[in-house]
Amino acid sequence: MKGVLSWKKDILKNNSSSKKKYIMVFVCMFMQAIPFGVAQNIQPLFIPYVIKDFGFSLAAFSLIFTFGAMASAAFSPFLGKLFGKVNIKVLFIIGTVLSSVGFLGFGFCKTLPQFYILSAVSQVGCVLFSGLGVPYVINNWFPKKGRGKALGIAFSGGSIGNVFLQQITSQMLASSGASHSYRVFGLISLLCSLPIILLFIRMPKPGEVEIVEENVNELNEENKGF
């Protein structure tokens, strides 16, 4: 009887923790869809409008991608050292604030250096919550099994979000112009991501994930005996 009760408790714990694990996957998926999608996927749509409005050359304005890539590459090793030392919510908040505010700031830019600087800021923030943050969260929630599948689902959010963002961005650019669209999407990115981070992003509690994995293994061993 004790064995049956213990088995039922293990099943309940397993179901509860599995829900938490996959909620975290979909939270990471949302982060890829909105703040990551805004910072990474829709910028090319702005190029013809910015060039027309400010008179920049295509080559000169396209350097924003180079400056962003250089900044993210330079800061990644230092940012990576923060994980495990700083609260994960704080890191995600800093990342999304930098990414969103950087993108919003494009709406107030008048010169190329301003675009270059804000592109670097935005991409550093994006690396913090997406390039480093999402894999770190998934790896901690899936230490043994299902990590690859969970990462795949989480990162698919970027493509899924892009389906909608591309259409909305194109329409807004045509009707409102580049500067207004930058401000709107930067604000959307910030307002959508902060509540999600504050409510859901966290590391598993001590023993929370390991217990789930052990319970699954124990049940498999018991089933072999029947």
C-alpha atoms as a PDB file:
ATOM      1  CA  MET A   1       0.000   0.000   0.000  1.00  0.00           C
ATOM      2  CA  LYS A   2       2.843   2.389   0.899  1.00  0.00           C
ATOM      3  CA  GLY A   3       4.462   1.637  -2.437  1.00  0.00           C
ATOM      4  CA  VAL A   4       1.253   2.467  -4.310  1.00  0.00           C
ATOM      5  CA  LEU A   5       0.827   5.746  -2.412  1.00  0.00           C
ATOM      6  CA  SER A   6       4.449   6.683  -3.065  1.00  0.00           C
ATOM      7  CA  TRP A   7       3.998   5.859  -6.754  1.00  0.00           C
ATOM      8  CA  LYS A   8       0.893   8.090  -6.953  1.00  0.00           C
ATOM      9  CA  LYS A   9       2.726  10.968  -5.250  1.00  0.00           C
ATOM     10  CA  ASP A  10       5.580  10.603  -7.713  1.00  0.00           C
ATOM     11  CA  ILE A  11       3.119  10.742 -10.609  1.00  0.00           C
ATOM     12  CA  LEU A  12       1.557  13.949  -9.251  1.00  0.00           C
ATOM     13  CA  LYS A  13       4.957  15.569  -8.719  1.00  0.00           C
ATOM     14  CA  ASN A  14       6.043  14.545 -12.169  1.00  0.00           C
ATOM     15  CA  ASN A  15       2.939  16.026 -13.825  1.00  0.00           C
ATOM     16  CA  SER A  16       3.207  19.283 -11.869  1.00  0.00           C
ATOM     17  CA  SER A  17       6.891  19.796 -12.604  1.00  0.00           C
ATOM     18  CA  SER A  18       6.475  18.815 -16.258  1.00  0.00           C
ATOM     19  CA  LYS A  19       3.879  21.567 -16.649  1.00  0.00           C
ATOM     20  CA  LYS A  20       6.281  24.083 -15.102  1.00  0.00           C
ATOM     21  CA  LYS A  21       9.057  22.963 -17.425  1.00  0.00           C
ATOM     22  CA  TYR A  22       6.990  23.361 -20.558  1.00  0.00           C
ATOM     23  CA  ILE A  23       5.483  26.644 -19.394  1.00  0.00           C
ATOM     24  CA  MET A  24       9.073  27.874 -19.233  1.00  0.00           C
ATOM     25  CA  VAL A  25       9.658  26.643 -22.781  1.00  0.00           C
ATOM     26  CA  PHE A  26       6.689  28.625 -24.092  1.00  0.00           C
ATOM     27  CA  VAL A  27       7.761  31.681 -22.096  1.00  0.00           C
ATOM     28  CA  CYS A  28      11.160  31.505 -23.821  1.00  0.00           C
ATOM     29  CA  MET A  29       9.334  30.998 -27.107  1.00  0.00           C
ATOM     30  CA  PHE A  30       7.388  34.209 -26.478  1.00  0.00           C
ATOM     31  CA  MET A  31      10.617  36.079 -25.726  1.00  0.00           C
ATOM     32  CA  GLN A  32      11.951  34.958 -29.087  1.00  0.00           C
ATOM     33  CA  ALA A  33       8.744  35.948 -30.862  1.00  0.00           C
ATOM     34  CA  ILE A  34       8.391  39.530 -29.573  1.00  0.00           C
ATOM     35  CA  PRO A  35      11.510  41.253 -28.166  1.00  0.00           C
ATOM     36  CA  PHE A  36      13.938  39.137 -30.207  1.00  0.00           C
ATOM     37  CA  GLY A  37      11.765  39.411 -33.319  1.00  0.00           C
ATOM     38  CA  VAL A  38      11.585  43.185 -32.999  1.00  0.00           C
ATOM     39  CA  ALA A  39      15.323  43.620 -32.477  1.00  0.00           C
ATOM     40  CA  GLN A  40      16.491  41.132 -35.108  1.00  0.00           C
ATOM     41  CA  ASN A  41      13.892  40.437 -37.769  1.00  0.00           C
ATOM     42  CA  ILE A  42      12.157  43.637 -38.810  1.00  0.00           C
ATOM     43  CA  GLN A  43      15.093  46.041 -39.091  1.00  0.00           C
ATOM     44  CA  PRO A  44      15.692  45.328 -42.822  1.00  0.00           C
ATOM     45  CA  LEU A  45      12.176  46.588 -43.585  1.00  0.00           C
ATOM     46  CA  PHE A  46      13.139  50.018 -42.270  1.00  0.00           C
ATOM     47  CA  ILE A  47      16.142  50.478 -44.573  1.00  0.00           C
ATOM     48  CA  PRO A  48      14.428  52.059 -47.633  1.00  0.00           C
ATOM     49  CA  TYR A  49      12.352  54.384 -45.444  1.00  0.00           C
ATOM     50  CA  VAL A  50      15.310  55.566 -43.349  1.00  0.00           C
ATOM     51  CA  ILE A  51      17.470  56.096 -46.433  1.00  0.00           C
ATOM     52  CA  LYS A  52      14.718  58.127 -48.071  1.00  0.00           C
ATOM     53  CA  ASP A  53      13.953  60.216 -44.968  1.00  0.00           C
ATOM     54  CA  PHE A  54      17.544  61.033 -43.972  1.00  0.00           C
ATOM     55  CA  GLY A  55      19.427  60.784 -47.238  1.00  0.00           C
ATOM     56  CA  PHE A  56      21.871  58.120 -46.035  1.00  0.00           C
ATOM     57  CA  SER A  57      23.517  55.809 -48.534  1.00  0.00           C
ATOM     58  CA  LEU A  58      22.585  52.151 -48.422  1.00  0.00           C
ATOM     59  CA  ALA A  59      26.155  51.121 -47.620  1.00  0.00           C
ATOM     60  CA  ALA A  60      26.487  53.635 -44.793  1.00  0.00           C
ATOM     61  CA  PHE A  61      23.204  52.761 -43.102  1.00  0.00           C
ATOM     62  CA  SER A  62      23.737  49.012 -43.514  1.00  0.00           C
ATOM     63  CA  LEU A  63      26.760  49.333 -41.213  1.00  0.00           C
ATOM     64  CA  ILE A  64      24.316  49.257 -38.289  1.00  0.00           C
ATOM     65  CA  PHE A  65      24.314  45.476 -38.683  1.00  0.00           C
ATOM     66  CA  THR A  66      28.119  45.391 -38.551  1.00  0.00           C
ATOM     67  CA  PHE A  67      28.286  47.557 -35.430  1.00  0.00           C
ATOM     68  CA  GLY A  68      25.594  45.455 -33.776  1.00  0.00           C
ATOM     69  CA  ALA A  69      27.368  42.199 -34.568  1.00  0.00           C
ATOM     70  CA  MET A  70      30.744  43.537 -33.364  1.00  0.00           C
ATOM     71  CA  ALA A  71      29.254  44.767 -30.095  1.00  0.00           C
ATOM     72  CA  SER A  72      27.457  41.488 -29.371  1.00  0.00           C
ATOM     73  CA  ALA A  73      30.601  39.491 -30.150  1.00  0.00           C
ATOM     74  CA  ALA A  74      32.751  41.711 -27.942  1.00  0.00           C
ATOM     75  CA  PHE A  75      30.409  41.649 -24.947  1.00  0.00           C
ATOM     76  CA  SER A  76      29.244  38.016 -25.079  1.00  0.00           C
ATOM     77  CA  PRO A  77      32.193  36.527 -23.108  1.00  0.00           C
ATOM     78  CA  PHE A  78      31.746  39.075 -20.320  1.00  0.00           C
ATOM     79  CA  LEU A  79      27.967  38.725 -20.217  1.00  0.00           C
ATOM     80  CA  GLY A  80      28.243  34.950 -20.074  1.00  0.00           C
ATOM     81  CA  LYS A  81      30.124  35.205 -16.780  1.00  0.00           C
ATOM     82  CA  LEU A  82      27.098  36.845 -15.158  1.00  0.00           C
ATOM     83  CA  PHE A  83      24.913  33.744 -15.479  1.00  0.00           C
ATOM     84  CA  GLY A  84      24.848  31.792 -12.256  1.00  0.00           C
ATOM     85  CA  LYS A  85      26.023  34.868 -10.330  1.00  0.00           C
ATOM     86  CA  VAL A  86      23.188  37.334 -11.000  1.00  0.00           C
ATOM     87  CA  ASN A  87      19.471  36.612 -10.629  1.00  0.00           C
ATOM     88  CA  ILE A  88      18.078  35.406 -13.951  1.00  0.00           C
ATOM     89  CA  LYS A  89      15.140  37.849 -13.809  1.00  0.00           C
ATOM     90  CA  VAL A  90      17.556  40.756 -13.492  1.00  0.00           C
ATOM     91  CA  LEU A  91      19.579  39.577 -16.488  1.00  0.00           C
ATOM     92  CA  PHE A  92      16.480  39.138 -18.645  1.00  0.00           C
ATOM     93  CA  ILE A  93      15.141  42.543 -17.605  1.00  0.00           C
ATOM     94  CA  ILE A  94      18.433  44.273 -18.405  1.00  0.00           C
ATOM     95  CA  GLY A  95      18.614  42.459 -21.730  1.00  0.00           C
ATOM     96  CA  THR A  96      15.092  43.318 -22.845  1.00  0.00           C
ATOM     97  CA  VAL A  97      15.366  46.919 -21.646  1.00  0.00           C
ATOM     98  CA  LEU A  98      18.582  47.429 -23.628  1.00  0.00           C
ATOM     99  CA  SER A  99      17.117  45.704 -26.680  1.00  0.00           C
ATOM    100  CA  SER A 100      13.757  47.501 -26.585  1.00  0.00           C
ATOM    101  CA  VAL A 101      15.016  50.951 -25.601  1.00  0.00           C
ATOM    102  CA  GLY A 102      17.744  50.712 -28.225  1.00  0.00           C
ATOM    103  CA  PHE A 103      15.160  49.964 -30.894  1.00  0.00           C
ATOM    104  CA  LEU A 104      12.808  52.648 -29.603  1.00  0.00           C
ATOM    105  CA  GLY A 105      15.714  55.094 -29.673  1.00  0.00           C
ATOM    106  CA  PHE A 106      16.081  54.657 -33.421  1.00  0.00           C
ATOM    107  CA  GLY A 107      12.915  56.721 -33.691  1.00  0.00           C
ATOM    108  CA  PHE A 108      14.776  59.766 -32.324  1.00  0.00           C
ATOM    109  CA  CYS A 109      17.990  59.355 -34.330  1.00  0.00           C
ATOM    110  CA  LYS A 110      19.073  61.969 -36.836  1.00  0.00           C
ATOM    111  CA  THR A 111      22.661  60.956 -37.650  1.00  0.00           C
ATOM    112  CA  LEU A 112      24.439  57.730 -38.608  1.00  0.00           C
ATOM    113  CA  PRO A 113      26.593  57.540 -35.438  1.00  0.00           C
ATOM    114  CA  GLN A 114      23.413  57.608 -33.357  1.00  0.00           C
ATOM    115  CA  PHE A 115      22.018  54.660 -35.321  1.00  0.00           C
ATOM    116  CA  TYR A 116      25.328  52.785 -34.933  1.00  0.00           C
ATOM    117  CA  ILE A 117      25.469  53.280 -31.169  1.00  0.00           C
ATOM    118  CA  LEU A 118      21.861  52.264 -30.585  1.00  0.00           C
ATOM    119  CA  SER A 119      22.271  49.238 -32.834  1.00  0.00           C
ATOM    120  CA  ALA A 120      25.168  48.108 -30.641  1.00  0.00           C
ATOM    121  CA  VAL A 121      23.093  48.668 -27.476  1.00  0.00           C
ATOM    122  CA  SER A 122      20.113  46.779 -28.888  1.00  0.00           C
ATOM    123  CA  GLN A 123      22.182  43.802 -30.013  1.00  0.00           C
ATOM    124  CA  VAL A 124      24.034  43.513 -26.698  1.00  0.00           C
ATOM    125  CA  GLY A 125      20.668  43.373 -24.934  1.00  0.00           C
ATOM    126  CA  CYS A 126      19.427  40.790 -27.404  1.00  0.00           C
ATOM    127  CA  VAL A 127      22.437  38.559 -26.738  1.00  0.00           C
ATOM    128  CA  LEU A 128      21.874  38.829 -23.002  1.00  0.00           C
ATOM    129  CA  PHE A 129      18.285  37.578 -22.923  1.00  0.00           C
ATOM    130  CA  SER A 130      18.181  35.496 -26.109  1.00  0.00           C
ATOM    131  CA  GLY A 131      21.576  34.235 -27.248  1.00  0.00           C
ATOM    132  CA  LEU A 132      22.729  33.472 -23.702  1.00  0.00           C
ATOM    133  CA  GLY A 133      19.615  33.715 -21.522  1.00  0.00           C
ATOM    134  CA  VAL A 134      17.207  31.352 -23.265  1.00  0.00           C
ATOM    135  CA  PRO A 135      19.687  28.423 -23.593  1.00  0.00           C
ATOM    136  CA  TYR A 136      20.743  28.901 -19.961  1.00  0.00           C
ATOM    137  CA  VAL A 137      17.144  28.708 -18.724  1.00  0.00           C
ATOM    138  CA  ILE A 138      16.312  25.685 -20.885  1.00  0.00           C
ATOM    139  CA  ASN A 139      19.492  23.832 -19.881  1.00  0.00           C
ATOM    140  CA  ASN A 140      18.643  24.241 -16.199  1.00  0.00           C
ATOM    141  CA  TRP A 141      15.052  23.071 -16.607  1.00  0.00           C
ATOM    142  CA  PHE A 142      16.044  20.138 -18.843  1.00  0.00           C
ATOM    143  CA  PRO A 143      19.343  18.836 -17.426  1.00  0.00           C
ATOM    144  CA  LYS A 144      19.013  15.263 -18.737  1.00  0.00           C
ATOM    145  CA  LYS A 145      16.230  14.600 -21.228  1.00  0.00           C
ATOM    146  CA  GLY A 146      14.288  16.715 -23.693  1.00  0.00           C
ATOM    147  CA  ARG A 147      16.784  19.583 -23.874  1.00  0.00           C
ATOM    148  CA  GLY A 148      17.144  19.555 -27.657  1.00  0.00           C
ATOM    149  CA  LYS A 149      13.396  19.456 -28.230  1.00  0.00           C
ATOM    150  CA  ALA A 150      12.807  22.228 -25.696  1.00  0.00           C
ATOM    151  CA  LEU A 151      15.462  24.458 -27.268  1.00  0.00           C
ATOM    152  CA  GLY A 152      13.999  23.831 -30.703  1.00  0.00           C
ATOM    153  CA  ILE A 153      10.520  24.836 -29.570  1.00  0.00           C
ATOM    154  CA  ALA A 154      11.813  27.911 -27.754  1.00  0.00           C
ATOM    155  CA  PHE A 155      13.836  29.205 -30.694  1.00  0.00           C
ATOM    156  CA  SER A 156      11.019  28.535 -33.151  1.00  0.00           C
ATOM    157  CA  GLY A 157       9.327  31.534 -31.557  1.00  0.00           C
ATOM    158  CA  GLY A 158      11.535  33.856 -33.598  1.00  0.00           C
ATOM    159  CA  SER A 159      10.221  32.462 -36.863  1.00  0.00           C
ATOM    160  CA  ILE A 160       6.616  32.306 -35.674  1.00  0.00           C
ATOM    161  CA  GLY A 161       6.702  35.896 -34.460  1.00  0.00           C
ATOM    162  CA  ASN A 162       8.302  36.986 -37.700  1.00  0.00           C
ATOM    163  CA  VAL A 163       5.260  35.813 -39.668  1.00  0.00           C
ATOM    164  CA  PHE A 164       3.119  38.442 -37.952  1.00  0.00           C
ATOM    165  CA  LEU A 165       5.723  41.146 -37.339  1.00  0.00           C
ATOM    166  CA  GLN A 166       6.689  41.393 -40.999  1.00  0.00           C
ATOM    167  CA  GLN A 167       3.114  42.118 -42.074  1.00  0.00           C
ATOM    168  CA  ILE A 168       2.361  44.568 -39.267  1.00  0.00           C
ATOM    169  CA  THR A 169       5.672  46.387 -39.738  1.00  0.00           C
ATOM    170  CA  SER A 170       5.192  46.772 -43.487  1.00  0.00           C
ATOM    171  CA  GLN A 171       1.747  48.295 -43.007  1.00  0.00           C
ATOM    172  CA  MET A 172       2.883  50.656 -40.248  1.00  0.00           C
ATOM    173  CA  LEU A 173       5.909  51.831 -42.210  1.00  0.00           C
ATOM    174  CA  ALA A 174       3.744  52.600 -45.215  1.00  0.00           C
ATOM    175  CA  SER A 175       1.235  54.571 -43.149  1.00  0.00           C
ATOM    176  CA  SER A 176       3.349  56.161 -40.391  1.00  0.00           C
ATOM    177  CA  GLY A 177       6.978  56.195 -41.523  1.00  0.00           C
ATOM    178  CA  ALA A 178      10.177  54.878 -39.970  1.00  0.00           C
ATOM    179  CA  SER A 179      10.612  57.094 -36.891  1.00  0.00           C
ATOM    180  CA  HIS A 180       7.097  56.506 -35.561  1.00  0.00           C
ATOM    181  CA  SER A 181       7.308  52.764 -36.277  1.00  0.00           C
ATOM    182  CA  TYR A 182      10.611  52.475 -34.405  1.00  0.00           C
ATOM    183  CA  ARG A 183       9.054  54.038 -31.329  1.00  0.00           C
ATOM    184  CA  VAL A 184       5.925  51.903 -31.449  1.00  0.00           C
ATOM    185  CA  PHE A 185       7.719  48.587 -31.860  1.00  0.00           C
ATOM    186  CA  GLY A 186      10.316  49.449 -29.241  1.00  0.00           C
ATOM    187  CA  LEU A 187       7.529  50.237 -26.789  1.00  0.00           C
ATOM    188  CA  ILE A 188       5.618  47.069 -27.689  1.00  0.00           C
ATOM    189  CA  SER A 189       8.751  44.996 -27.127  1.00  0.00           C
ATOM    190  CA  LEU A 190       9.303  46.524 -23.703  1.00  0.00           C
ATOM    191  CA  LEU A 191       5.714  46.371 -22.479  1.00  0.00           C
ATOM    192  CA  CYS A 192       5.176  42.793 -23.671  1.00  0.00           C
ATOM    193  CA  SER A 193       8.384  41.341 -22.275  1.00  0.00           C
ATOM    194  CA  LEU A 194       8.693  42.872 -18.792  1.00  0.00           C
ATOM    195  CA  PRO A 195       5.469  41.383 -17.296  1.00  0.00           C
ATOM    196  CA  ILE A 196       6.335  37.942 -18.705  1.00  0.00           C
ATOM    197  CA  ILE A 197       9.815  38.075 -17.197  1.00  0.00           C
ATOM    198  CA  LEU A 198       8.590  39.249 -13.809  1.00  0.00           C
ATOM    199  CA  LEU A 199       5.838  36.637 -13.615  1.00  0.00           C
ATOM    200  CA  PHE A 200       7.405  33.539 -15.125  1.00  0.00           C
ATOM    201  CA  ILE A 201      11.166  33.540 -15.704  1.00  0.00           C
ATOM    202  CA  ARG A 202      12.983  31.680 -12.931  1.00  0.00           C
ATOM    203  CA  MET A 203      15.428  28.886 -12.270  1.00  0.00           C
ATOM    204  CA  PRO A 204      14.166  25.527 -10.936  1.00  0.00           C
ATOM    205  CA  LYS A 205      14.167  25.237  -7.177  1.00  0.00           C
ATOM    206  CA  PRO A 206      16.778  22.907  -5.589  1.00  0.00           C
ATOM    207  CA  GLY A 207      15.775  19.312  -6.282  1.00  0.00           C
ATOM    208  CA  GLU A 208      12.758  20.289  -8.372  1.00  0.00           C
ATOM    209  CA  VAL A 209      14.056  19.037 -11.697  1.00  0.00           C
ATOM    210  CA  GLU A 210      16.208  16.201 -10.372  1.00  0.00           C
ATOM    211  CA  ILE A 211      13.223  14.727  -8.507  1.00  0.00           C
ATOM    212  CA  VAL A 212      11.236  14.620 -11.713  1.00  0.00           C
ATOM    213  CA  GLU A 213      14.011  12.817 -13.572  1.00  0.00           C
ATOM    214  CA  GLU A 214      14.517  10.308 -10.727  1.00  0.00           C
ATOM    215  CA  ASN A 215      10.793   9.584 -10.463  1.00  0.00           C
ATOM    216  CA  VAL A 216      10.589   8.845 -14.182  1.00  0.00           C
ATOM    217  CA  ASN A 217      13.526   6.448 -13.967  1.00  0.00           C
ATOM    218  CA  GLU A 218      12.075   4.685 -10.934  1.00  0.00           C
ATOM    219  CA  LEU A 219       8.730   4.210 -12.648  1.00  0.00           C
ATOM    220  CA  ASN A 220      10.460   2.761 -15.706  1.00  0.00           C
ATOM    221  CA  GLU A 221      12.311   0.257 -13.518  1.00  0.00           C
ATOM    222  CA  GLU A 222       9.102  -0.758 -11.746  1.00  0.00           C
ATOM    223  CA  ASN A 223       7.293  -1.229 -15.046  1.00  0.00           C
ATOM    224  CA  LYS A 224      10.003  -3.663 -16.206  1.00  0.00           C
ATOM    225  CA  GLY A 225       9.126  -5.963 -13.325  1.00  0.00           C
ATOM    226  CA  PHE A 226       5.498  -6.378 -14.381  1.00  0.00           C
END
